[in-house]
Protein backbone atom coordinates (compact mmCIF):
# COMPACT_ATOMS: atom_id res chain seq x y z
CA MET A 1 -11.66 -13.47 -25.50
CA ILE A 2 -10.26 -13.53 -21.94
CA ASN A 3 -6.59 -14.40 -21.64
CA ASN A 4 -5.56 -17.13 -19.26
CA VAL A 5 -4.56 -15.34 -16.04
CA SER A 6 -3.39 -18.41 -14.16
CA ASN A 7 0.27 -17.66 -14.91
CA LYS A 8 0.05 -13.91 -14.22
CA LYS A 9 1.16 -12.17 -11.03
CA ILE A 10 0.05 -9.01 -9.29
CA ASN A 11 2.97 -6.71 -8.48
CA HIS A 12 1.14 -4.49 -6.00
CA ILE A 13 -2.21 -3.10 -5.01
CA ALA A 14 -2.40 0.59 -4.05
CA ILE A 15 -4.85 1.88 -1.45
CA ILE A 16 -5.33 5.58 -0.66
CA VAL A 17 -5.65 6.23 3.09
CA LYS A 18 -6.04 9.23 5.39
CA SER A 19 -3.49 8.03 7.97
CA LEU A 20 -0.73 5.49 7.36
CA GLU A 21 -0.20 4.86 11.05
CA LYS A 22 -3.88 4.12 11.65
CA GLU A 23 -4.30 1.93 8.55
CA LEU A 24 -1.13 -0.11 9.22
CA ILE A 25 -2.56 -1.41 12.53
CA PRO A 26 -4.89 -4.09 11.04
CA PHE A 27 -2.14 -5.39 8.76
CA GLU A 28 0.55 -5.48 11.43
CA LYS A 29 -1.37 -6.39 14.57
CA GLY A 30 -4.32 -8.21 13.03
CA LEU A 31 -2.58 -10.17 10.27
CA GLY A 32 1.00 -10.20 11.60
CA LEU A 33 2.40 -8.54 8.46
CA LYS A 34 5.23 -6.00 8.57
CA SER A 35 5.57 -2.87 6.47
CA THR A 36 8.87 -1.90 4.90
CA GLY A 37 8.60 1.44 6.68
CA ILE A 38 7.04 4.79 5.89
CA GLU A 39 8.61 6.94 3.18
CA PHE A 40 7.92 10.46 1.96
CA VAL A 41 7.76 10.89 -1.83
CA GLU A 42 8.31 14.59 -2.33
CA SER A 43 7.57 14.61 -6.07
CA TYR A 44 4.00 13.42 -5.40
CA ASN A 45 3.61 14.97 -1.93
CA VAL A 46 2.58 11.66 -0.40
CA ARG A 47 3.71 9.28 2.32
CA ILE A 48 3.78 5.59 1.41
CA ALA A 49 4.23 2.23 3.08
CA PHE A 50 4.60 -1.15 1.39
CA ILE A 51 3.39 -4.38 3.02
CA PRO A 52 4.89 -7.45 1.32
CA ILE A 53 2.70 -10.54 1.01
CA GLY A 54 4.54 -13.24 -0.91
CA ASP A 55 5.33 -11.92 -4.40
CA THR A 56 2.78 -9.12 -4.05
CA GLN A 57 2.81 -5.88 -2.07
CA ILE A 58 0.06 -3.71 -0.68
CA GLU A 59 0.97 -0.05 -1.09
CA LEU A 60 -0.72 2.36 1.31
CA ILE A 61 -0.63 5.95 0.07
CA GLN A 62 -1.35 8.96 2.25
CA PRO A 63 -1.73 12.15 0.20
CA LEU A 64 -0.53 15.27 1.96
CA GLY A 65 -1.87 18.75 1.47
CA LYS A 66 -5.38 20.14 1.22
CA ARG A 67 -7.07 17.69 -1.15
CA GLU A 68 -9.88 15.61 0.31
CA ILE A 69 -9.83 11.84 -0.02
């Protein structure tokens, strides 16, 4: 049985990207949205940026290091 999702909310959606600066352009210039800024999360060795859209956020994650995306 599928639960009724009409009263549920999405907190955030995470997207892995190669370059935060490059991937922020369509959101900021194309859609007029603003990120909360770019942060480095040392414990995960990633850079992140959140883009708020109403009660939801898009989280862009740029892994650092030698792993391929």
